[in-house]
């Protein structure tokens, strides 16, 4: 995950050096009949005006680095705050725009599905048909952690990064698993009609970026609240309201995904990975990993990828 974020930072720096380079860089990683997956790096920032686009197919995108706001005309909110680990949901033909008012750049793994192909998956997974999604986002959650890790590990492999272990999962399989999980989870998610104030979104976005950039250091609610210019109580409440998790849960999940990607791609010792990812105690790391992924780190390395 850290290497994935570094590549985003490099793209942002290259655009700044080049001046008027295109803000969106994309490459198709794999495609098949009715589906495709692409690595999308956006280098837009506060100086760039959002422009309206349209989902040509059903879209499910895992945010792997950066933050942005995702809006649709019929979304019922001014925008959903997208952060690493959250999942963007889009219906075929749906107009949308992405804004970067509060930070530079983002990177997503974007899965696209032909409507008829997606309907078959949705029907089998949740017994439903028709419009794919009624919400715009799934927050970072335990139910999606393993799929996000596998997708990031495959991305690292496609980018030529170190991979000591063979990933026994295809992009097509990941796409089907992600679609079926997203449909079930979106069905269970309540719709929130409240419009967050732009100032609140800006402050929470800043806190999320601080957590992402400092995931290996200790961060307290007091420090994050001070950075957001909110009282600890109001910071905690608004962060959880917008992100779907508490700051502690968000940080812990970032660290666990980073550790899981390394377990999936390196033969580095579990102890060293735990320490590198901000866990001071390997037994605490083992317990947290078990809760998040349903198996120990060693078992995940051995069997969790199959």
C-alpha atoms as a PDB file:
ATOM      1  CA  UNK A   1       0.000   0.000   0.000  1.00  0.00           C
ATOM      2  CA  UNK A   2       2.829   2.408   0.805  1.00  0.00           C
ATOM      3  CA  UNK A   3       4.433   1.794  -2.616  1.00  0.00           C
ATOM      4  CA  UNK A   4       1.075   2.340  -4.299  1.00  0.00           C
ATOM      5  CA  UNK A   5       0.756   5.707  -2.549  1.00  0.00           C
ATOM      6  CA  UNK A   6       4.331   6.633  -3.538  1.00  0.00           C
ATOM      7  CA  UNK A   7       3.488   6.083  -7.208  1.00  0.00           C
ATOM      8  CA  UNK A   8       0.565   8.492  -6.813  1.00  0.00           C
ATOM      9  CA  UNK A   9       2.866  11.100  -5.252  1.00  0.00           C
ATOM     10  CA  UNK A  10       5.301  10.687  -8.147  1.00  0.00           C
ATOM     11  CA  UNK A  11       2.518  11.189 -10.701  1.00  0.00           C
ATOM     12  CA  UNK A  12       1.365  14.360  -8.918  1.00  0.00           C
ATOM     13  CA  UNK A  13       4.949  15.672  -8.873  1.00  0.00           C
ATOM     14  CA  UNK A  14       5.452  14.862 -12.568  1.00  0.00           C
ATOM     15  CA  UNK A  15       2.278  16.717 -13.499  1.00  0.00           C
ATOM     16  CA  UNK A  16       3.397  19.748 -11.484  1.00  0.00           C
ATOM     17  CA  UNK A  17       6.766  19.711 -13.251  1.00  0.00           C
ATOM     18  CA  UNK A  18       5.165  19.331 -16.695  1.00  0.00           C
ATOM     19  CA  UNK A  19       2.636  22.085 -16.134  1.00  0.00           C
ATOM     20  CA  UNK A  20      -0.513  21.211 -18.088  1.00  0.00           C
ATOM     21  CA  UNK A  21      -0.332  17.428 -18.135  1.00  0.00           C
ATOM     22  CA  UNK A  22      -3.598  15.460 -18.207  1.00  0.00           C
ATOM     23  CA  UNK A  23      -4.946  15.006 -14.656  1.00  0.00           C
ATOM     24  CA  UNK A  24      -6.122  11.397 -15.218  1.00  0.00           C
ATOM     25  CA  UNK A  25      -3.809   8.513 -16.065  1.00  0.00           C
ATOM     26  CA  UNK A  26      -5.319   5.102 -16.705  1.00  0.00           C
ATOM     27  CA  UNK A  27      -4.235   1.684 -17.847  1.00  0.00           C
ATOM     28  CA  UNK A  28      -6.345  -1.405 -18.332  1.00  0.00           C
ATOM     29  CA  UNK A  29      -4.974  -4.266 -16.249  1.00  0.00           C
ATOM     30  CA  UNK A  30      -7.277  -6.995 -17.564  1.00  0.00           C
ATOM     31  CA  UNK A  31     -10.529  -7.454 -19.451  1.00  0.00           C
ATOM     32  CA  UNK A  32     -12.889 -10.183 -20.479  1.00  0.00           C
ATOM     33  CA  UNK A  33     -16.386 -10.654 -21.824  1.00  0.00           C
ATOM     34  CA  UNK A  34     -18.564  -8.192 -19.901  1.00  0.00           C
ATOM     35  CA  UNK A  35     -15.908  -6.886 -17.492  1.00  0.00           C
ATOM     36  CA  UNK A  36     -12.628  -4.971 -17.196  1.00  0.00           C
ATOM     37  CA  UNK A  37     -10.374  -3.584 -14.485  1.00  0.00           C
ATOM     38  CA  UNK A  38      -8.211  -0.460 -14.726  1.00  0.00           C
ATOM     39  CA  UNK A  39      -5.626   1.316 -12.606  1.00  0.00           C
ATOM     40  CA  UNK A  40      -6.668   4.981 -12.474  1.00  0.00           C
ATOM     41  CA  UNK A  41      -4.356   7.674 -11.137  1.00  0.00           C
ATOM     42  CA  UNK A  42      -5.847  11.166 -10.861  1.00  0.00           C
ATOM     43  CA  UNK A  43      -3.457  14.064 -10.274  1.00  0.00           C
ATOM     44  CA  UNK A  44      -6.137  16.747  -9.916  1.00  0.00           C
ATOM     45  CA  UNK A  45      -6.099  19.148  -7.000  1.00  0.00           C
ATOM     46  CA  UNK A  46      -7.891  22.208  -5.609  1.00  0.00           C
ATOM     47  CA  UNK A  47      -6.848  24.244  -8.662  1.00  0.00           C
ATOM     48  CA  UNK A  48      -8.757  21.945 -11.034  1.00  0.00           C
ATOM     49  CA  UNK A  49     -12.470  22.407 -11.616  1.00  0.00           C
ATOM     50  CA  UNK A  50     -14.510  19.190 -11.471  1.00  0.00           C
ATOM     51  CA  UNK A  51     -16.221  18.309 -14.723  1.00  0.00           C
ATOM     52  CA  UNK A  52     -19.170  16.024 -15.279  1.00  0.00           C
ATOM     53  CA  UNK A  53     -18.508  12.509 -16.521  1.00  0.00           C
ATOM     54  CA  UNK A  54     -20.706   9.452 -16.979  1.00  0.00           C
ATOM     55  CA  UNK A  55     -20.311   5.844 -15.970  1.00  0.00           C
ATOM     56  CA  UNK A  56     -20.506   3.941 -19.268  1.00  0.00           C
ATOM     57  CA  UNK A  57     -21.020   0.687 -17.366  1.00  0.00           C
ATOM     58  CA  UNK A  58     -21.663  -0.395 -13.784  1.00  0.00           C
ATOM     59  CA  UNK A  59     -18.598   0.753 -11.827  1.00  0.00           C
ATOM     60  CA  UNK A  60     -17.090  -0.425  -8.552  1.00  0.00           C
ATOM     61  CA  UNK A  61     -13.794   1.230  -7.616  1.00  0.00           C
ATOM     62  CA  UNK A  62     -11.574   0.524  -4.622  1.00  0.00           C
ATOM     63  CA  UNK A  63      -9.753   3.656  -3.441  1.00  0.00           C
ATOM     64  CA  UNK A  64      -6.155   2.669  -2.739  1.00  0.00           C
ATOM     65  CA  UNK A  65      -4.569   6.095  -2.120  1.00  0.00           C
ATOM     66  CA  UNK A  66      -5.563   9.743  -1.757  1.00  0.00           C
ATOM     67  CA  UNK A  67      -8.916  11.346  -1.097  1.00  0.00           C
ATOM     68  CA  UNK A  68     -11.624  12.974  -3.199  1.00  0.00           C
ATOM     69  CA  UNK A  69     -15.321  13.839  -3.184  1.00  0.00           C
ATOM     70  CA  UNK A  70     -17.669  11.855  -5.388  1.00  0.00           C
ATOM     71  CA  UNK A  71     -20.966  13.409  -6.432  1.00  0.00           C
ATOM     72  CA  UNK A  72     -23.915  12.478  -8.616  1.00  0.00           C
ATOM     73  CA  UNK A  73     -26.958  14.518  -9.590  1.00  0.00           C
ATOM     74  CA  UNK A  74     -29.290  12.024  -7.915  1.00  0.00           C
ATOM     75  CA  UNK A  75     -27.065  11.089  -4.975  1.00  0.00           C
ATOM     76  CA  UNK A  76     -29.069  13.107  -2.456  1.00  0.00           C
ATOM     77  CA  UNK A  77     -25.883  14.599  -0.921  1.00  0.00           C
ATOM     78  CA  UNK A  78     -23.352  17.230  -1.891  1.00  0.00           C
ATOM     79  CA  UNK A  79     -20.723  14.537  -2.095  1.00  0.00           C
ATOM     80  CA  UNK A  80     -19.343  11.386  -0.553  1.00  0.00           C
ATOM     81  CA  UNK A  81     -15.868  11.556   0.929  1.00  0.00           C
ATOM     82  CA  UNK A  82     -13.758   8.824  -0.672  1.00  0.00           C
ATOM     83  CA  UNK A  83     -10.680   7.643   1.246  1.00  0.00           C
ATOM     84  CA  UNK A  84      -8.363   4.605   1.082  1.00  0.00           C
ATOM     85  CA  UNK A  85     -10.327   1.413   1.665  1.00  0.00           C
ATOM     86  CA  UNK A  86     -13.692   2.893   0.677  1.00  0.00           C
ATOM     87  CA  UNK A  87     -15.502   1.661  -2.436  1.00  0.00           C
ATOM     88  CA  UNK A  88     -17.118   3.891  -5.069  1.00  0.00           C
ATOM     89  CA  UNK A  89     -20.385   2.645  -6.581  1.00  0.00           C
ATOM     90  CA  UNK A  90     -21.755   3.806  -9.920  1.00  0.00           C
ATOM     91  CA  UNK A  91     -24.700   2.801 -12.099  1.00  0.00           C
ATOM     92  CA  UNK A  92     -24.439   2.484 -15.868  1.00  0.00           C
ATOM     93  CA  UNK A  93     -25.295   5.808 -17.520  1.00  0.00           C
ATOM     94  CA  UNK A  94     -25.111   7.734 -14.231  1.00  0.00           C
ATOM     95  CA  UNK A  95     -23.570  11.247 -14.485  1.00  0.00           C
ATOM     96  CA  UNK A  96     -21.002  12.072 -11.804  1.00  0.00           C
ATOM     97  CA  UNK A  97     -18.089  14.283 -10.903  1.00  0.00           C
ATOM     98  CA  UNK A  98     -15.074  13.928  -8.635  1.00  0.00           C
ATOM     99  CA  UNK A  99     -13.649  16.919  -6.779  1.00  0.00           C
ATOM    100  CA  UNK A 100     -10.303  17.463  -5.074  1.00  0.00           C
ATOM    101  CA  UNK A 101     -11.046  20.633  -3.150  1.00  0.00           C
ATOM    102  CA  UNK A 102      -9.078  19.492  -0.115  1.00  0.00           C
ATOM    103  CA  UNK A 103      -6.057  17.587  -1.423  1.00  0.00           C
ATOM    104  CA  UNK A 104      -4.000  16.492  -4.424  1.00  0.00           C
ATOM    105  CA  UNK A 105      -4.685  13.286  -6.289  1.00  0.00           C
ATOM    106  CA  UNK A 106      -6.075   9.823  -5.775  1.00  0.00           C
ATOM    107  CA  UNK A 107      -5.612   6.292  -7.085  1.00  0.00           C
ATOM    108  CA  UNK A 108      -8.348   3.717  -7.649  1.00  0.00           C
ATOM    109  CA  UNK A 109      -8.705   0.178  -8.913  1.00  0.00           C
ATOM    110  CA  UNK A 110     -11.815   0.491 -11.051  1.00  0.00           C
ATOM    111  CA  UNK A 111     -13.860  -2.567 -12.055  1.00  0.00           C
ATOM    112  CA  UNK A 112     -16.389  -2.072 -14.867  1.00  0.00           C
ATOM    113  CA  UNK A 113     -19.241  -4.433 -15.726  1.00  0.00           C
ATOM    114  CA  UNK A 114     -21.610  -4.584 -18.671  1.00  0.00           C
ATOM    115  CA  UNK A 115     -25.149  -4.156 -17.247  1.00  0.00           C
ATOM    116  CA  UNK A 116     -26.352  -7.625 -18.289  1.00  0.00           C
ATOM    117  CA  UNK A 117     -23.215  -9.269 -16.886  1.00  0.00           C
ATOM    118  CA  UNK A 118     -23.602  -7.382 -13.611  1.00  0.00           C
ATOM    119  CA  UNK A 119     -27.296  -8.260 -13.345  1.00  0.00           C
ATOM    120  CA  UNK A 120     -26.451 -11.948 -13.449  1.00  0.00           C
ATOM    121  CA  UNK A 121     -23.993 -11.515 -10.576  1.00  0.00           C
ATOM    122  CA  UNK A 122     -26.416  -9.357  -8.572  1.00  0.00           C
ATOM    123  CA  UNK A 123     -29.269 -11.783  -9.123  1.00  0.00           C
ATOM    124  CA  UNK A 124     -27.236 -14.751  -7.934  1.00  0.00           C
ATOM    125  CA  UNK A 125     -25.674 -12.878  -5.010  1.00  0.00           C
ATOM    126  CA  UNK A 126     -28.656 -10.984  -3.639  1.00  0.00           C
ATOM    127  CA  UNK A 127     -31.690 -12.073  -5.630  1.00  0.00           C
ATOM    128  CA  UNK A 128     -32.244  -8.625  -7.078  1.00  0.00           C
ATOM    129  CA  UNK A 129     -32.286  -6.935 -10.460  1.00  0.00           C
ATOM    130  CA  UNK A 130     -32.805  -3.471 -11.871  1.00  0.00           C
ATOM    131  CA  UNK A 131     -30.759  -0.415 -10.879  1.00  0.00           C
ATOM    132  CA  UNK A 132     -27.480  -1.631  -9.443  1.00  0.00           C
ATOM    133  CA  UNK A 133     -26.938   0.748  -6.498  1.00  0.00           C
ATOM    134  CA  UNK A 134     -28.988   3.243  -4.501  1.00  0.00           C
ATOM    135  CA  UNK A 135     -25.977   4.564  -2.557  1.00  0.00           C
ATOM    136  CA  UNK A 136     -22.689   6.056  -3.785  1.00  0.00           C
ATOM    137  CA  UNK A 137     -20.124   4.597  -1.406  1.00  0.00           C
ATOM    138  CA  UNK A 138     -19.263   1.761   0.904  1.00  0.00           C
ATOM    139  CA  UNK A 139     -16.933   2.907   3.703  1.00  0.00           C
ATOM    140  CA  UNK A 140     -13.789   1.053   4.671  1.00  0.00           C
ATOM    141  CA  UNK A 141     -15.148  -2.051   6.364  1.00  0.00           C
ATOM    142  CA  UNK A 142     -14.019  -5.443   7.549  1.00  0.00           C
ATOM    143  CA  UNK A 143     -16.245  -7.281   5.062  1.00  0.00           C
ATOM    144  CA  UNK A 144     -14.237  -5.819   2.162  1.00  0.00           C
ATOM    145  CA  UNK A 145     -10.737  -5.902   3.657  1.00  0.00           C
ATOM    146  CA  UNK A 146      -9.584  -9.189   2.145  1.00  0.00           C
ATOM    147  CA  UNK A 147     -10.771  -8.275  -1.352  1.00  0.00           C
ATOM    148  CA  UNK A 148      -9.092  -4.859  -1.112  1.00  0.00           C
ATOM    149  CA  UNK A 149      -5.827  -6.495  -0.053  1.00  0.00           C
ATOM    150  CA  UNK A 150      -5.924  -9.049  -2.861  1.00  0.00           C
ATOM    151  CA  UNK A 151      -6.657  -6.318  -5.405  1.00  0.00           C
ATOM    152  CA  UNK A 152      -3.743  -4.213  -4.117  1.00  0.00           C
ATOM    153  CA  UNK A 153      -1.428  -7.228  -4.182  1.00  0.00           C
ATOM    154  CA  UNK A 154      -2.386  -7.910  -7.802  1.00  0.00           C
ATOM    155  CA  UNK A 155      -1.862  -4.228  -8.613  1.00  0.00           C
ATOM    156  CA  UNK A 156       1.620  -4.384  -7.094  1.00  0.00           C
ATOM    157  CA  UNK A 157       2.323  -7.474  -9.174  1.00  0.00           C
ATOM    158  CA  UNK A 158       1.122  -5.762 -12.371  1.00  0.00           C
ATOM    159  CA  UNK A 159       3.289  -2.728 -11.557  1.00  0.00           C
ATOM    160  CA  UNK A 160       6.400  -4.887 -11.424  1.00  0.00           C
ATOM    161  CA  UNK A 161       6.862  -4.477  -7.699  1.00  0.00           C
ATOM    162  CA  UNK A 162       8.377  -7.170  -5.533  1.00  0.00           C
ATOM    163  CA  UNK A 163       6.245 -10.305  -5.298  1.00  0.00           C
ATOM    164  CA  UNK A 164       7.878 -13.340  -3.729  1.00  0.00           C
ATOM    165  CA  UNK A 165       4.619 -15.306  -3.625  1.00  0.00           C
ATOM    166  CA  UNK A 166       2.366 -16.450  -6.457  1.00  0.00           C
ATOM    167  CA  UNK A 167      -1.101 -14.951  -6.128  1.00  0.00           C
ATOM    168  CA  UNK A 168      -3.555 -17.706  -6.912  1.00  0.00           C
ATOM    169  CA  UNK A 169      -6.461 -15.418  -7.846  1.00  0.00           C
ATOM    170  CA  UNK A 170      -7.420 -13.869 -11.179  1.00  0.00           C
ATOM    171  CA  UNK A 171      -8.736 -10.385 -11.888  1.00  0.00           C
ATOM    172  CA  UNK A 172     -11.962 -11.924 -13.174  1.00  0.00           C
ATOM    173  CA  UNK A 173     -12.483 -13.821  -9.910  1.00  0.00           C
ATOM    174  CA  UNK A 174     -11.773 -10.688  -7.904  1.00  0.00           C
ATOM    175  CA  UNK A 175     -14.252  -8.728 -10.004  1.00  0.00           C
ATOM    176  CA  UNK A 176     -17.028 -11.242  -9.400  1.00  0.00           C
ATOM    177  CA  UNK A 177     -16.331 -11.438  -5.659  1.00  0.00           C
ATOM    178  CA  UNK A 178     -16.211  -7.642  -5.374  1.00  0.00           C
ATOM    179  CA  UNK A 179     -19.476  -7.185  -7.287  1.00  0.00           C
ATOM    180  CA  UNK A 180     -21.364  -9.774  -5.248  1.00  0.00           C
ATOM    181  CA  UNK A 181     -20.067  -8.355  -1.951  1.00  0.00           C
ATOM    182  CA  UNK A 182     -20.843  -4.765  -2.972  1.00  0.00           C
ATOM    183  CA  UNK A 183     -24.427  -5.648  -3.909  1.00  0.00           C
ATOM    184  CA  UNK A 184     -25.084  -7.403  -0.602  1.00  0.00           C
ATOM    185  CA  UNK A 185     -23.456  -4.680   1.486  1.00  0.00           C
ATOM    186  CA  UNK A 186     -25.148  -1.844  -0.417  1.00  0.00           C
ATOM    187  CA  UNK A 187     -28.528  -3.519   0.167  1.00  0.00           C
ATOM    188  CA  UNK A 188     -27.860  -3.501   3.912  1.00  0.00           C
ATOM    189  CA  UNK A 189     -26.566   0.087   4.097  1.00  0.00           C
ATOM    190  CA  UNK A 190     -29.005   2.781   5.261  1.00  0.00           C
ATOM    191  CA  UNK A 191     -29.371   5.860   3.111  1.00  0.00           C
ATOM    192  CA  UNK A 192     -28.208   9.071   4.776  1.00  0.00           C
ATOM    193  CA  UNK A 193     -29.929  12.166   3.429  1.00  0.00           C
ATOM    194  CA  UNK A 194     -27.927  14.684   5.444  1.00  0.00           C
ATOM    195  CA  UNK A 195     -25.740  17.176   3.575  1.00  0.00           C
ATOM    196  CA  UNK A 196     -22.368  17.600   5.326  1.00  0.00           C
ATOM    197  CA  UNK A 197     -21.145  21.179   5.551  1.00  0.00           C
ATOM    198  CA  UNK A 198     -18.205  21.864   3.205  1.00  0.00           C
ATOM    199  CA  UNK A 199     -16.112  23.031   6.156  1.00  0.00           C
ATOM    200  CA  UNK A 200     -16.737  19.742   7.968  1.00  0.00           C
ATOM    201  CA  UNK A 201     -15.800  17.706   4.884  1.00  0.00           C
ATOM    202  CA  UNK A 202     -12.602  19.747   4.493  1.00  0.00           C
ATOM    203  CA  UNK A 203     -11.564  19.164   8.096  1.00  0.00           C
ATOM    204  CA  UNK A 204     -12.271  15.437   8.061  1.00  0.00           C
ATOM    205  CA  UNK A 205     -10.479  15.092   4.721  1.00  0.00           C
ATOM    206  CA  UNK A 206      -7.417  16.775   6.199  1.00  0.00           C
ATOM    207  CA  UNK A 207      -7.499  14.397   9.160  1.00  0.00           C
ATOM    208  CA  UNK A 208      -7.846  11.357   6.865  1.00  0.00           C
ATOM    209  CA  UNK A 209      -4.833  12.467   4.819  1.00  0.00           C
ATOM    210  CA  UNK A 210      -2.781  12.995   7.983  1.00  0.00           C
ATOM    211  CA  UNK A 211      -3.654   9.460   9.096  1.00  0.00           C
ATOM    212  CA  UNK A 212      -2.758   8.018   5.686  1.00  0.00           C
ATOM    213  CA  UNK A 213       0.564   9.855   5.518  1.00  0.00           C
ATOM    214  CA  UNK A 214       1.474   9.065   9.150  1.00  0.00           C
ATOM    215  CA  UNK A 215       0.060   5.544   9.463  1.00  0.00           C
ATOM    216  CA  UNK A 216       3.215   4.215  11.147  1.00  0.00           C
ATOM    217  CA  UNK A 217       3.271   6.831  13.930  1.00  0.00           C
ATOM    218  CA  UNK A 218       1.038   7.332  16.936  1.00  0.00           C
ATOM    219  CA  UNK A 219      -1.859   9.686  16.321  1.00  0.00           C
ATOM    220  CA  UNK A 220      -4.166  10.842  19.095  1.00  0.00           C
ATOM    221  CA  UNK A 221      -7.713  12.169  18.856  1.00  0.00           C
ATOM    222  CA  UNK A 222      -6.469  15.321  20.547  1.00  0.00           C
ATOM    223  CA  UNK A 223      -3.846  15.955  17.853  1.00  0.00           C
ATOM    224  CA  UNK A 224      -6.207  15.153  14.964  1.00  0.00           C
ATOM    225  CA  UNK A 225      -8.955  17.323  16.473  1.00  0.00           C
ATOM    226  CA  UNK A 226      -6.477  20.199  16.842  1.00  0.00           C
ATOM    227  CA  UNK A 227      -5.469  19.832  13.174  1.00  0.00           C
ATOM    228  CA  UNK A 228      -9.167  19.849  12.221  1.00  0.00           C
ATOM    229  CA  UNK A 229      -9.881  22.824  14.492  1.00  0.00           C
ATOM    230  CA  UNK A 230     -12.650  20.941  16.275  1.00  0.00           C
ATOM    231  CA  UNK A 231     -13.166  19.832  19.842  1.00  0.00           C
ATOM    232  CA  UNK A 232     -12.253  16.155  20.419  1.00  0.00           C
ATOM    233  CA  UNK A 233     -15.935  15.327  20.889  1.00  0.00           C
ATOM    234  CA  UNK A 234     -17.106  17.001  17.674  1.00  0.00           C
ATOM    235  CA  UNK A 235     -14.141  15.691  15.710  1.00  0.00           C
ATOM    236  CA  UNK A 236     -14.816  12.103  16.743  1.00  0.00           C
ATOM    237  CA  UNK A 237     -18.529  12.432  15.988  1.00  0.00           C
ATOM    238  CA  UNK A 238     -18.105  14.050  12.553  1.00  0.00           C
ATOM    239  CA  UNK A 239     -15.252  11.737  11.512  1.00  0.00           C
ATOM    240  CA  UNK A 240     -17.324   8.654  12.304  1.00  0.00           C
ATOM    241  CA  UNK A 241     -20.381  10.176  10.630  1.00  0.00           C
ATOM    242  CA  UNK A 242     -18.568  10.813   7.340  1.00  0.00           C
ATOM    243  CA  UNK A 243     -16.137   7.887   7.294  1.00  0.00           C
ATOM    244  CA  UNK A 244     -18.279   5.138   8.763  1.00  0.00           C
ATOM    245  CA  UNK A 245     -15.533   4.222  11.254  1.00  0.00           C
ATOM    246  CA  UNK A 246     -13.693   5.917  14.117  1.00  0.00           C
ATOM    247  CA  UNK A 247     -10.187   7.369  13.573  1.00  0.00           C
ATOM    248  CA  UNK A 248      -8.704   4.447  15.527  1.00  0.00           C
ATOM    249  CA  UNK A 249     -10.542   1.905  13.378  1.00  0.00           C
ATOM    250  CA  UNK A 250      -9.528   3.746  10.201  1.00  0.00           C
ATOM    251  CA  UNK A 251      -5.848   3.816  11.198  1.00  0.00           C
ATOM    252  CA  UNK A 252      -5.891   0.187  12.327  1.00  0.00           C
ATOM    253  CA  UNK A 253      -7.475  -0.897   9.044  1.00  0.00           C
ATOM    254  CA  UNK A 254      -4.864   1.037   7.019  1.00  0.00           C
ATOM    255  CA  UNK A 255      -2.076  -0.700   8.918  1.00  0.00           C
ATOM    256  CA  UNK A 256      -3.655  -4.125   8.566  1.00  0.00           C
ATOM    257  CA  UNK A 257      -4.165  -3.750   4.809  1.00  0.00           C
ATOM    258  CA  UNK A 258      -0.543  -2.666   4.392  1.00  0.00           C
ATOM    259  CA  UNK A 259       0.595  -5.684   6.405  1.00  0.00           C
ATOM    260  CA  UNK A 260      -1.665  -8.065   4.465  1.00  0.00           C
ATOM    261  CA  UNK A 261      -0.385  -6.819   1.093  1.00  0.00           C
ATOM    262  CA  UNK A 262       3.170  -7.417   2.266  1.00  0.00           C
ATOM    263  CA  UNK A 263       2.253 -10.876   3.521  1.00  0.00           C
ATOM    264  CA  UNK A 264       0.779 -11.582   0.093  1.00  0.00           C
ATOM    265  CA  UNK A 265       3.843 -10.407  -1.825  1.00  0.00           C
ATOM    266  CA  UNK A 266       6.926 -10.868   0.412  1.00  0.00           C
ATOM    267  CA  UNK A 267       8.645 -13.562   2.441  1.00  0.00           C
ATOM    268  CA  UNK A 268       9.548 -10.979   5.106  1.00  0.00           C
ATOM    269  CA  UNK A 269       9.096 -12.260   8.669  1.00  0.00           C
ATOM    270  CA  UNK A 270       5.690 -11.660  10.240  1.00  0.00           C
ATOM    271  CA  UNK A 271       7.369  -9.919  13.188  1.00  0.00           C
ATOM    272  CA  UNK A 272       9.198  -7.473  10.927  1.00  0.00           C
ATOM    273  CA  UNK A 273       6.039  -6.684   8.945  1.00  0.00           C
ATOM    274  CA  UNK A 274       4.094  -6.097  12.169  1.00  0.00           C
ATOM    275  CA  UNK A 275       6.721  -3.673  13.467  1.00  0.00           C
ATOM    276  CA  UNK A 276       7.101  -1.890  10.121  1.00  0.00           C
ATOM    277  CA  UNK A 277       3.329  -1.340   9.943  1.00  0.00           C
ATOM    278  CA  UNK A 278       3.101   0.333  13.331  1.00  0.00           C
ATOM    279  CA  UNK A 279       2.289  -2.582  15.632  1.00  0.00           C
ATOM    280  CA  UNK A 280       4.610  -2.547  18.626  1.00  0.00           C
ATOM    281  CA  UNK A 281       3.583  -6.005  19.787  1.00  0.00           C
ATOM    282  CA  UNK A 282       3.332  -9.041  17.512  1.00  0.00           C
ATOM    283  CA  UNK A 283       0.685 -10.696  19.684  1.00  0.00           C
ATOM    284  CA  UNK A 284      -1.496  -7.578  19.372  1.00  0.00           C
ATOM    285  CA  UNK A 285      -0.902  -7.632  15.615  1.00  0.00           C
ATOM    286  CA  UNK A 286      -1.896 -11.316  15.419  1.00  0.00           C
ATOM    287  CA  UNK A 287      -5.138 -10.690  17.313  1.00  0.00           C
ATOM    288  CA  UNK A 288      -6.049  -7.659  15.197  1.00  0.00           C
ATOM    289  CA  UNK A 289      -5.238  -9.502  11.981  1.00  0.00           C
ATOM    290  CA  UNK A 290      -7.371 -12.462  13.027  1.00  0.00           C
ATOM    291  CA  UNK A 291     -10.350 -10.187  13.723  1.00  0.00           C
ATOM    292  CA  UNK A 292      -9.965  -8.386  10.397  1.00  0.00           C
ATOM    293  CA  UNK A 293      -9.324 -11.332   8.071  1.00  0.00           C
ATOM    294  CA  UNK A 294     -10.630 -14.319  10.004  1.00  0.00           C
ATOM    295  CA  UNK A 295      -7.261 -16.081  10.085  1.00  0.00           C
ATOM    296  CA  UNK A 296      -3.763 -15.627  11.465  1.00  0.00           C
ATOM    297  CA  UNK A 297      -1.084 -13.815   9.421  1.00  0.00           C
ATOM    298  CA  UNK A 298       0.769 -17.077   8.762  1.00  0.00           C
ATOM    299  CA  UNK A 299      -2.378 -18.849   7.646  1.00  0.00           C
ATOM    300  CA  UNK A 300      -3.299 -15.871   5.468  1.00  0.00           C
ATOM    301  CA  UNK A 301       0.093 -16.077   3.782  1.00  0.00           C
ATOM    302  CA  UNK A 302      -0.305 -19.821   3.285  1.00  0.00           C
ATOM    303  CA  UNK A 303      -4.004 -20.186   2.505  1.00  0.00           C
ATOM    304  CA  UNK A 304      -5.729 -16.804   2.454  1.00  0.00           C
ATOM    305  CA  UNK A 305      -4.855 -16.138  -1.184  1.00  0.00           C
ATOM    306  CA  UNK A 306      -6.511 -19.282  -2.552  1.00  0.00           C
END
